Amino acid sequence: MAAPASAPPAPSSLKRIVAASLIGTTIEWYDFFLYGSAAALVFNKLFFPGSDPLVGTLLSFLTYAVGFAARPLGALVFGHYGDRLGRKKLLVLSLLLMGGATFAIGLLPTHATIGSAAPVLLTVLRLVQGFALGGEWGGAVLLVSEHGDAKRRGFWASWPQTGAPAGQLLATGVLSALTALLSDAAFTSWGWRIPFLLSGVLVIVGLWIRLSVDESPVFKAALAQAEERKAAAGQVEKMPLVAVLRHHWRDVLIAMGARMAENISYYVITAFILVYATTAVELSKQTALNAVLIASAVHFAVIPAWGALSDRIGRKPVYLVGAIGVGVWMFPFFALIDTKSFGSLLLAVTVGLVFHGAMYAPQAAFFSEMFATRMRYSGASIGAQFSSVAAGAPAPLIATALLADYDSSTPISLYVIAAVLLTVVAIGCARETRNRDLNAVEAEPVHDDAPVAHAADARTA
C-alpha cells in the first residue's frame, strides 16, 4: 500500500521551497545561457581565430553543444544518488559545479595567450557545466512537485521552469548592458569576462537559500518504506536506472519525444537568433540582444499562467497548444525578422517564446507524475536530458549550417516543424497525469492497460 499522503506544507514554507528552486535554476541557466550568447558573439574570435566568421561561429557552437553531451551523464549520476540520498544534497552539489565552471571561464586565457590549449580548456569547463545542469533540472522540479498538492502542482512546479527565462533574462541583460556601455574592442578584450565572474556572487546567494529548505516529504516517506521492507523481508532495491528502464521505459521515451520541439525551438529562438539577426539580416548585436531580453521577460510571466491552466484542463492539451503553435509560427517568425524592424523582431521572438512556454510550463509536473518516487529523479532526468543531445545540443549548430548551405531560413523552419511532429506523436501516446497523487503513484499501474502484477513489481522496486 502507498504511504498516506503528507499534509500540504504551509503556504510560507512552500513559497520558500519554490524560491530556493527558482533561484538555483536561475543561476544554473544564467551560467548555461551566458555561454551560448558568448559563443554567438565573441568566442568565435577569442578561441577560434583565423576562420571564416560563420565557420568560427560553427566551431564556437560546437563547444556549446559539447555541454549537452555531458547532460545525460549528469542525469544518470545525479538521478541515481538523488533517488538514493535525497533531492536537496544533489541540488547543492550541482550549483557548486555549475558556478565554479562558469567562474573559471571568466578567468580563462584566450587563443592569443596560450594557443590551442584555450579551446581545449573551454571545452572541459563546458563539459562540467553540462554535467551539473543534467542533474539540476530533475532535482529542482521534484523538490517543488513533491512538496505541493496535486490540485495546484502544475502552477507551483512551473516556477522552477521560469528559471530558464530568468537566467536568459539575466545573462542577456548583463551582456546587453556591457555592449551598450563598452566599445566593441573593450568588450572583446575584457568586458565579456564580467558576466562569467559575476556567477561567483550568484552562487553564494543560491547556496544560502538552498541550504535553508527541507528534503521532500514524499521522498522521506518512500525512503522509510524501503528501509522497512529491507529490515522485514530482506528486500534490496534495484538500482534506480534499472527500475526505470524496467517499469517506466515507455514514459522515458514519451518524455524524450515531448522534449524535441520544446528544446529545438527554444535554442533556435534564443541562441541562433543572435547569429541570424546579426549575420543574415545585418542587425546590430545590441538590437538582437534587446529583443531577446524583452521577450524573455514575457516568457517568464506566461510560464506560471500556462502551468495554472494545465491544472484546470490537463497537461496534454496545454503542451499540444505550445507544440503546434511553435510549428505554425516558424515561417512568420523568420519573415518578421527579415523586415529588419526592431518591432517585428521583438514580435517574432516574443510570440515564439509564448508558445514555447506552453510546452515548458506543464513539463515539470507532467514528467514528475510519470514516475514512482524511488526512481522519479532518475526517470525525469533521463527522459529530459537524453533528448537534449539530439535536440538542444545541435539545434544552433544545425540551424547555422543550414543557413550557410542554403542562405535561406526555409530549411530551418522545416527543421523545427519536423521536431514538432515528433513531439505531437509523443504527447498523443502519453496518458493524462493531472491530479495524480505522488504518494500513491507506486501503488497504481503506470498506464491504465498495465497488468496488476506490473504495479506490484513497481512497489517492490
Protein backbone atom coordinates (compact mmCIF):
# COMPACT_ATOMS: atom_id res chain seq x y z
CA MET A 1 0.00 0.00 0.00
CA ALA A 2 1.10 3.53 -0.62
CA ALA A 3 2.05 5.75 2.26
CA PRO A 4 -0.62 8.14 3.38
CA ALA A 5 -0.42 11.47 1.64
CA SER A 6 1.54 14.02 3.59
CA ALA A 7 -0.21 17.17 4.66
CA PRO A 8 0.47 20.03 2.24
CA PRO A 9 3.14 22.41 3.55
CA ALA A 10 2.17 25.80 4.86
CA PRO A 11 1.98 28.49 2.13
CA SER A 12 5.04 30.26 3.54
CA SER A 13 7.02 27.01 3.56
CA LEU A 14 6.01 26.13 0.02
CA LYS A 15 6.93 29.62 -1.20
CA ARG A 16 10.38 29.27 0.38
CA ILE A 17 10.85 25.91 -1.36
CA VAL A 18 9.73 27.40 -4.68
CA ALA A 19 12.09 30.35 -4.16
CA ALA A 20 15.01 28.01 -3.45
CA SER A 21 14.36 26.01 -6.61
CA LEU A 22 13.74 29.11 -8.72
CA ILE A 23 16.86 30.96 -7.61
CA GLY A 24 19.02 27.89 -8.05
CA THR A 25 17.71 27.13 -11.55
CA THR A 26 18.02 30.81 -12.49
CA ILE A 27 21.71 30.76 -11.59
CA GLU A 28 22.28 27.46 -13.39
CA TRP A 29 20.54 28.67 -16.55
CA TYR A 30 22.26 32.06 -16.34
CA ASP A 31 25.58 30.23 -16.47
CA PHE A 32 24.46 27.97 -19.30
CA PHE A 33 22.87 30.66 -21.47
CA LEU A 34 25.69 33.08 -20.86
CA TYR A 35 27.95 30.63 -22.62
CA GLY A 36 25.52 30.33 -25.55
CA SER A 37 25.29 34.10 -26.00
CA ALA A 38 29.05 34.49 -25.73
CA ALA A 39 29.50 31.67 -28.25
CA ALA A 40 27.42 33.62 -30.75
CA LEU A 41 29.05 36.99 -30.07
CA VAL A 42 32.74 36.71 -29.07
CA PHE A 43 34.03 33.16 -28.58
CA ASN A 44 34.43 32.65 -32.33
CA LYS A 45 37.01 35.48 -32.32
CA LEU A 46 38.70 34.75 -28.99
CA PHE A 47 39.06 30.97 -29.14
CA PHE A 48 38.76 30.15 -32.87
CA PRO A 49 40.57 32.97 -34.70
CA GLY A 50 41.67 32.80 -38.31
CA SER A 51 38.48 31.13 -39.51
CA ASP A 52 35.74 32.46 -41.75
CA PRO A 53 33.30 34.29 -39.41
CA LEU A 54 30.49 31.78 -39.99
CA VAL A 55 32.88 28.83 -39.67
CA GLY A 56 34.23 30.31 -36.43
CA THR A 57 30.66 30.57 -35.16
CA LEU A 58 30.07 26.93 -36.08
CA LEU A 59 33.17 25.89 -34.10
CA SER A 60 32.04 28.05 -31.20
CA PHE A 61 28.60 26.44 -31.21
CA LEU A 62 30.29 23.03 -31.35
CA THR A 63 31.80 23.65 -27.91
CA TYR A 64 28.35 24.89 -26.89
CA ALA A 65 26.88 21.55 -27.99
CA VAL A 66 29.51 19.62 -26.03
CA GLY A 67 27.83 20.82 -22.82
CA PHE A 68 24.68 19.00 -23.86
CA ALA A 69 26.64 15.79 -24.40
CA ALA A 70 27.53 15.78 -20.70
CA ARG A 71 23.95 16.33 -19.56
CA PRO A 72 22.86 12.65 -19.89
CA LEU A 73 25.81 11.61 -17.75
CA GLY A 74 24.79 14.21 -15.19
CA ALA A 75 21.22 12.88 -15.33
CA LEU A 76 22.41 9.32 -14.65
CA VAL A 77 24.76 10.21 -11.78
CA PHE A 78 22.59 12.83 -10.08
CA GLY A 79 19.44 10.79 -10.70
CA HIS A 80 20.93 7.69 -9.08
CA TYR A 81 22.17 9.47 -5.96
CA GLY A 82 19.16 11.79 -5.85
CA ASP A 83 16.88 8.74 -5.64
CA ARG A 84 19.12 7.15 -3.01
CA LEU A 85 20.24 10.10 -0.86
CA GLY A 86 17.63 12.80 -1.50
CA ARG A 87 16.98 15.79 -3.72
CA LYS A 88 18.49 18.56 -1.60
CA LYS A 89 22.09 17.28 -1.31
CA LEU A 90 22.42 16.81 -5.06
CA LEU A 91 20.97 20.25 -5.82
CA VAL A 92 23.65 21.88 -3.66
CA LEU A 93 26.37 19.94 -5.48
CA SER A 94 25.02 20.82 -8.93
CA LEU A 95 25.02 24.52 -8.05
CA LEU A 96 28.63 24.40 -6.86
CA LEU A 97 29.81 22.61 -10.01
CA MET A 98 27.99 24.91 -12.42
CA GLY A 99 29.02 28.12 -10.67
CA GLY A 100 32.64 27.04 -10.33
CA ALA A 101 32.95 26.15 -14.01
CA THR A 102 31.37 29.43 -15.11
CA PHE A 103 33.61 31.49 -12.84
CA ALA A 104 36.65 29.64 -14.25
CA ILE A 105 35.60 30.51 -17.83
CA GLY A 106 35.78 34.17 -16.83
CA LEU A 107 39.45 33.66 -15.89
CA LEU A 108 40.35 31.56 -18.95
CA PRO A 109 43.22 32.73 -21.20
CA THR A 110 42.28 33.09 -24.87
CA HIS A 111 43.86 31.60 -28.01
CA ALA A 112 46.10 34.64 -28.36
CA THR A 113 47.68 33.88 -24.97
CA ILE A 114 48.02 30.08 -24.78
CA GLY A 115 47.19 28.91 -28.29
CA SER A 116 45.21 25.72 -28.90
CA ALA A 117 45.06 24.93 -25.18
CA ALA A 118 42.45 27.70 -24.81
CA PRO A 119 39.64 26.00 -26.75
CA VAL A 120 40.51 22.68 -25.05
CA LEU A 121 40.13 24.20 -21.58
CA LEU A 122 36.96 25.96 -22.69
CA THR A 123 35.52 22.62 -23.81
CA VAL A 124 36.40 20.94 -20.50
CA LEU A 125 34.67 23.65 -18.49
CA ARG A 126 31.68 23.40 -20.80
CA LEU A 127 31.52 19.67 -20.05
CA VAL A 128 31.39 20.43 -16.32
CA GLN A 129 28.57 22.91 -16.93
CA GLY A 130 26.58 20.33 -18.88
CA PHE A 131 27.18 17.61 -16.28
CA ALA A 132 25.88 19.88 -13.50
CA LEU A 133 22.84 21.06 -15.45
CA GLY A 134 21.97 17.45 -16.31
CA GLY A 135 21.41 16.81 -12.62
CA GLU A 136 19.96 20.20 -11.68
CA TRP A 137 16.65 20.20 -13.53
CA GLY A 138 15.22 16.95 -12.20
CA GLY A 139 16.01 17.72 -8.58
CA ALA A 140 14.68 21.28 -8.71
CA VAL A 141 11.29 20.41 -10.18
CA LEU A 142 10.88 17.34 -7.96
CA LEU A 143 11.60 19.29 -4.79
CA VAL A 144 8.63 21.54 -5.59
CA SER A 145 6.37 18.86 -7.09
CA GLU A 146 6.78 16.57 -4.09
CA HIS A 147 6.08 19.33 -1.57
CA GLY A 148 2.91 20.68 -3.18
CA ASP A 149 -0.59 19.24 -3.55
CA ALA A 150 -1.98 17.72 -6.74
CA LYS A 151 -4.57 20.43 -7.40
CA ARG A 152 -2.02 23.20 -8.00
CA ARG A 153 1.06 21.14 -8.82
CA GLY A 154 1.22 22.41 -12.39
CA PHE A 155 1.32 26.02 -11.19
CA TRP A 156 3.87 25.58 -8.39
CA ALA A 157 6.12 23.21 -10.35
CA SER A 158 6.19 25.67 -13.25
CA TRP A 159 8.08 28.21 -11.13
CA PRO A 160 11.42 26.38 -11.30
CA GLN A 161 10.82 26.36 -15.07
CA THR A 162 10.83 30.15 -15.02
CA GLY A 163 14.49 29.82 -14.05
CA ALA A 164 15.25 29.30 -17.74
CA PRO A 165 13.84 32.66 -18.96
CA ALA A 166 15.05 34.32 -15.77
CA GLY A 167 18.56 33.04 -16.43
CA GLN A 168 18.24 34.06 -20.07
CA LEU A 169 16.97 37.47 -18.97
CA LEU A 170 19.83 37.92 -16.54
CA ALA A 171 22.53 36.71 -18.95
CA THR A 172 21.20 38.71 -21.90
CA GLY A 173 20.63 41.77 -19.71
CA VAL A 174 24.20 41.79 -18.43
CA LEU A 175 25.58 41.27 -21.94
CA SER A 176 23.28 43.92 -23.37
CA ALA A 177 24.36 46.45 -20.73
CA LEU A 178 28.03 45.73 -21.34
CA THR A 179 27.75 46.01 -25.13
CA ALA A 180 25.91 49.32 -24.67
CA LEU A 181 28.48 50.73 -22.22
CA LEU A 182 31.67 49.38 -23.77
CA SER A 183 33.17 49.70 -27.21
CA ASP A 184 33.41 46.54 -29.32
CA ALA A 185 37.16 46.46 -28.69
CA ALA A 186 36.81 46.75 -24.91
CA PHE A 187 34.03 44.16 -24.77
CA THR A 188 36.07 41.70 -26.85
CA SER A 189 39.23 42.39 -24.86
CA TRP A 190 37.96 42.10 -21.26
CA GLY A 191 34.29 43.06 -20.94
CA TRP A 192 33.00 39.60 -21.83
CA ARG A 193 34.63 38.19 -18.66
CA ILE A 194 32.50 40.24 -16.25
CA PRO A 195 29.25 38.23 -16.60
CA PHE A 196 31.12 34.96 -16.01
CA LEU A 197 32.85 36.27 -12.90
CA LEU A 198 29.53 37.54 -11.51
CA SER A 199 28.47 33.90 -11.29
CA GLY A 200 30.59 33.52 -8.14
CA VAL A 201 28.45 36.05 -6.28
CA LEU A 202 25.21 34.48 -7.50
CA VAL A 203 26.28 31.00 -6.36
CA ILE A 204 26.86 32.22 -2.79
CA VAL A 205 23.32 33.62 -2.68
CA GLY A 206 21.87 30.45 -4.21
CA LEU A 207 23.64 28.16 -1.75
CA TRP A 208 22.46 30.20 1.24
CA ILE A 209 18.83 29.80 0.13
CA ARG A 210 19.04 26.14 -0.93
CA LEU A 211 20.62 25.04 2.34
CA SER A 212 17.66 26.51 4.25
CA VAL A 213 14.94 24.21 2.80
CA ASP A 214 13.85 20.74 3.90
CA GLU A 215 14.08 17.48 2.00
CA SER A 216 10.99 16.34 0.06
CA PRO A 217 8.46 14.68 2.43
CA VAL A 218 7.38 12.29 -0.34
CA PHE A 219 10.97 11.11 -0.76
CA LYS A 220 11.49 10.73 3.01
CA ALA A 221 8.32 8.60 3.28
CA ALA A 222 9.38 6.40 0.35
CA LEU A 223 12.87 6.00 1.82
CA ALA A 224 11.41 4.95 5.19
CA GLN A 225 9.21 2.36 3.44
CA ALA A 226 12.20 0.98 1.59
CA GLU A 227 14.16 0.66 4.82
CA GLU A 228 11.21 -1.14 6.46
CA ARG A 229 10.94 -3.63 3.58
CA LYS A 230 14.65 -4.27 3.75
CA ALA A 231 14.56 -4.88 7.51
CA ALA A 232 11.40 -7.03 7.44
CA ALA A 233 11.89 -9.17 4.36
CA GLY A 234 15.45 -8.52 3.25
CA GLN A 235 14.24 -6.91 0.01
CA VAL A 236 17.01 -4.92 -1.64
CA GLU A 237 16.02 -2.16 -4.01
CA LYS A 238 17.15 -2.33 -7.59
CA MET A 239 19.31 0.49 -8.92
CA PRO A 240 17.04 3.39 -9.93
CA LEU A 241 18.26 3.21 -13.55
CA VAL A 242 17.40 -0.49 -13.80
CA ALA A 243 13.99 0.08 -12.20
CA VAL A 244 13.22 2.97 -14.56
CA LEU A 245 14.12 1.00 -17.68
CA ARG A 246 12.07 -1.97 -16.47
CA HIS A 247 8.91 -0.22 -15.28
CA HIS A 248 8.92 3.18 -16.99
CA TRP A 249 10.68 2.72 -20.33
CA ARG A 250 7.60 3.94 -22.21
CA ASP A 251 7.41 7.07 -20.06
CA VAL A 252 11.10 7.77 -20.71
CA LEU A 253 10.50 7.59 -24.47
CA ILE A 254 7.44 9.86 -24.19
CA ALA A 255 9.43 12.41 -22.19
CA MET A 256 12.23 12.34 -24.76
CA GLY A 257 9.80 12.87 -27.62
CA ALA A 258 8.00 15.63 -25.76
CA ARG A 259 11.27 17.50 -25.38
CA MET A 260 12.15 17.57 -29.08
CA ALA A 261 10.03 20.54 -30.18
CA GLU A 262 10.43 22.33 -26.87
CA ASN A 263 14.22 22.08 -26.81
CA ILE A 264 14.93 22.72 -30.50
CA SER A 265 12.55 25.67 -30.83
CA TYR A 266 13.94 27.33 -27.71
CA TYR A 267 17.55 27.32 -28.84
CA VAL A 268 16.62 28.43 -32.35
CA ILE A 269 14.58 31.32 -30.94
CA THR A 270 17.07 32.47 -28.29
CA ALA A 271 20.58 31.36 -29.37
CA PHE A 272 20.54 31.01 -33.16
CA ILE A 273 18.56 34.23 -33.47
CA LEU A 274 21.69 36.16 -32.45
CA VAL A 275 23.53 34.67 -35.42
CA TYR A 276 20.68 35.09 -37.91
CA ALA A 277 19.86 38.66 -36.92
CA THR A 278 23.48 39.86 -36.95
CA THR A 279 24.74 37.84 -39.96
CA ALA A 280 21.87 37.27 -42.40
CA VAL A 281 19.78 40.36 -41.61
CA GLU A 282 22.72 42.58 -40.56
CA LEU A 283 21.13 43.99 -37.43
CA SER A 284 23.36 45.11 -34.57
CA LYS A 285 24.23 42.85 -31.64
CA GLN A 286 22.55 45.33 -29.33
CA THR A 287 19.27 45.17 -31.28
CA ALA A 288 19.19 41.36 -31.23
CA LEU A 289 20.07 41.19 -27.53
CA ASN A 290 17.40 43.74 -26.61
CA ALA A 291 14.72 41.74 -28.44
CA VAL A 292 15.67 38.54 -26.63
CA LEU A 293 15.83 40.45 -23.36
CA ILE A 294 12.28 41.83 -23.59
CA ALA A 295 10.84 38.58 -24.94
CA SER A 296 12.44 36.63 -22.07
CA ALA A 297 10.61 38.86 -19.59
CA VAL A 298 7.30 37.98 -21.26
CA HIS A 299 8.34 34.31 -21.31
CA PHE A 300 8.96 34.46 -17.55
CA ALA A 301 5.49 35.91 -16.95
CA VAL A 302 3.49 33.44 -19.07
CA ILE A 303 5.03 30.21 -17.76
CA PRO A 304 3.15 30.20 -14.41
CA ALA A 305 -0.06 31.09 -16.28
CA TRP A 306 0.37 28.09 -18.60
CA GLY A 307 1.18 25.93 -15.54
CA ALA A 308 -2.02 27.02 -13.81
CA LEU A 309 -4.01 26.30 -16.98
CA SER A 310 -2.58 22.77 -17.04
CA ASP A 311 -4.08 22.27 -13.56
CA ARG A 312 -7.51 23.12 -14.96
CA ILE A 313 -7.59 21.39 -18.35
CA GLY A 314 -4.67 18.93 -18.18
CA ARG A 315 -1.01 18.71 -19.08
CA LYS A 316 -1.52 17.28 -22.57
CA PRO A 317 -3.83 19.97 -24.06
CA VAL A 318 -1.56 22.80 -22.92
CA TYR A 319 1.54 21.02 -24.21
CA LEU A 320 -0.07 20.43 -27.61
CA VAL A 321 -1.07 24.09 -27.93
CA GLY A 322 2.56 25.06 -27.46
CA ALA A 323 3.98 22.46 -29.85
CA ILE A 324 1.55 23.14 -32.69
CA GLY A 325 1.81 26.90 -32.11
CA VAL A 326 5.60 26.84 -32.47
CA GLY A 327 5.35 24.83 -35.69
CA VAL A 328 2.83 27.21 -37.23
CA TRP A 329 4.83 30.27 -36.13
CA MET A 330 8.18 29.32 -37.68
CA PHE A 331 7.66 30.77 -41.15
CA PRO A 332 6.16 34.06 -39.86
CA PHE A 333 8.99 34.12 -37.29
CA PHE A 334 11.74 34.46 -39.90
CA ALA A 335 9.61 36.61 -42.21
CA LEU A 336 9.21 39.19 -39.44
CA ILE A 337 12.94 39.21 -38.69
CA ASP A 338 13.72 39.72 -42.39
CA THR A 339 11.91 43.08 -42.29
CA LYS A 340 14.87 44.44 -40.25
CA SER A 341 12.43 46.22 -37.96
CA PHE A 342 13.04 46.02 -34.21
CA GLY A 343 9.30 45.86 -33.55
CA SER A 344 8.90 42.92 -35.93
CA LEU A 345 11.95 41.18 -34.46
CA LEU A 346 10.54 41.62 -30.96
CA LEU A 347 7.13 40.29 -32.02
CA ALA A 348 8.72 37.25 -33.67
CA VAL A 349 10.76 36.27 -30.61
CA THR A 350 8.01 37.06 -28.08
CA VAL A 351 5.27 35.02 -29.76
CA GLY A 352 7.71 32.15 -30.27
CA LEU A 353 8.59 32.12 -26.56
CA VAL A 354 4.93 32.36 -25.51
CA PHE A 355 4.20 29.17 -27.46
CA HIS A 356 7.36 27.60 -26.06
CA GLY A 357 6.13 28.41 -22.54
CA ALA A 358 3.00 26.32 -23.15
CA MET A 359 5.28 23.29 -23.56
CA TYR A 360 7.78 24.18 -20.87
CA ALA A 361 5.34 25.13 -18.08
CA PRO A 362 3.49 21.80 -17.62
CA GLN A 363 6.64 19.77 -18.30
CA ALA A 364 7.84 19.77 -14.68
CA ALA A 365 4.61 18.39 -13.21
CA PHE A 366 3.97 16.15 -16.24
CA PHE A 367 7.32 14.37 -16.04
CA SER A 368 7.24 14.16 -12.22
CA GLU A 369 3.83 12.47 -12.32
CA MET A 370 5.02 9.78 -14.71
CA PHE A 371 7.46 8.07 -12.35
CA ALA A 372 7.47 6.27 -8.99
CA THR A 373 9.10 8.12 -6.09
CA ARG A 374 12.24 5.99 -5.67
CA MET A 375 13.03 6.24 -9.36
CA ARG A 376 11.50 9.65 -10.10
CA TYR A 377 14.73 11.68 -10.08
CA SER A 378 16.33 9.18 -12.47
CA GLY A 379 13.30 8.84 -14.72
CA ALA A 380 12.54 12.54 -15.07
CA SER A 381 16.22 13.44 -15.55
CA ILE A 382 16.93 10.70 -18.09
CA GLY A 383 13.82 11.50 -20.13
CA ALA A 384 14.59 15.21 -20.12
CA GLN A 385 18.36 15.18 -20.60
CA PHE A 386 18.97 12.31 -23.02
CA SER A 387 16.72 14.04 -25.54
CA SER A 388 18.77 17.23 -25.23
CA VAL A 389 21.69 15.52 -27.02
CA ALA A 390 19.57 15.14 -30.15
CA ALA A 391 17.52 18.29 -29.66
CA GLY A 392 19.01 21.35 -27.95
CA ALA A 393 22.66 20.42 -28.40
CA PRO A 394 22.84 20.50 -32.19
CA ALA A 395 19.97 22.98 -32.76
CA PRO A 396 22.07 26.18 -33.12
CA LEU A 397 24.74 24.18 -34.95
CA ILE A 398 22.27 22.66 -37.44
CA ALA A 399 20.48 25.97 -37.93
CA THR A 400 23.78 27.76 -38.61
CA ALA A 401 24.89 25.04 -41.04
CA LEU A 402 21.55 25.19 -42.89
CA LEU A 403 21.87 28.96 -43.18
CA ALA A 404 25.42 28.62 -44.52
CA ASP A 405 24.46 25.96 -47.07
CA TYR A 406 21.14 27.33 -48.33
CA ASP A 407 21.33 31.05 -47.45
CA SER A 408 17.65 30.78 -46.52
CA SER A 409 15.55 30.38 -43.39
CA THR A 410 13.16 27.90 -45.03
CA PRO A 411 15.20 24.75 -44.18
CA ILE A 412 15.46 25.97 -40.58
CA SER A 413 11.69 26.35 -40.32
CA LEU A 414 11.20 22.84 -41.74
CA TYR A 415 13.73 21.50 -39.23
CA VAL A 416 11.70 22.90 -36.31
CA ILE A 417 8.42 21.66 -37.81
CA ALA A 418 9.85 18.11 -38.07
CA ALA A 419 10.65 18.27 -34.34
CA VAL A 420 7.08 19.45 -33.66
CA LEU A 421 5.67 16.39 -35.43
CA LEU A 422 7.76 14.10 -33.19
CA THR A 423 6.51 15.89 -30.09
CA VAL A 424 2.86 15.75 -31.15
CA VAL A 425 3.16 11.98 -31.64
CA ALA A 426 4.83 11.55 -28.22
CA ILE A 427 2.18 13.60 -26.40
CA GLY A 428 -0.53 11.70 -28.25
CA CYS A 429 0.88 8.45 -26.83
CA ALA A 430 1.03 9.80 -23.27
CA ARG A 431 -1.66 9.43 -20.62
CA GLU A 432 -3.02 12.45 -18.77
CA THR A 433 -1.39 12.71 -15.33
CA ARG A 434 -3.19 15.70 -13.82
CA ASN A 435 -4.31 15.17 -10.19
CA ARG A 436 -2.14 12.10 -9.70
CA ASP A 437 -1.11 11.62 -6.07
CA LEU A 438 2.68 11.34 -6.00
CA ASN A 439 2.47 9.43 -2.71
CA ALA A 440 0.28 6.79 -4.38
CA VAL A 441 1.90 6.60 -7.79
CA GLU A 442 3.86 3.47 -6.82
CA ALA A 443 0.66 1.65 -5.93
CA GLU A 444 -1.02 2.37 -9.27
CA PRO A 445 -0.35 0.95 -12.72
CA VAL A 446 1.76 3.36 -14.68
CA HIS A 447 -0.78 3.05 -17.53
CA ASP A 448 -4.43 2.05 -17.49
CA ASP A 449 -3.72 -1.01 -19.59
CA ALA A 450 -0.86 -2.24 -17.37
CA PRO A 451 -1.48 -5.57 -15.56
CA VAL A 452 -1.81 -5.68 -11.78
CA ALA A 453 1.42 -7.65 -11.49
CA HIS A 454 3.24 -4.72 -13.09
CA ALA A 455 2.11 -2.45 -10.26
CA ALA A 456 3.28 -4.97 -7.69
CA ASP A 457 6.68 -5.11 -9.33
CA ALA A 458 6.84 -1.32 -9.19
CA ARG A 459 6.12 -1.36 -5.45
CA THR A 460 8.88 -3.89 -4.91
CA ALA A 461 11.28 -1.79 -6.95
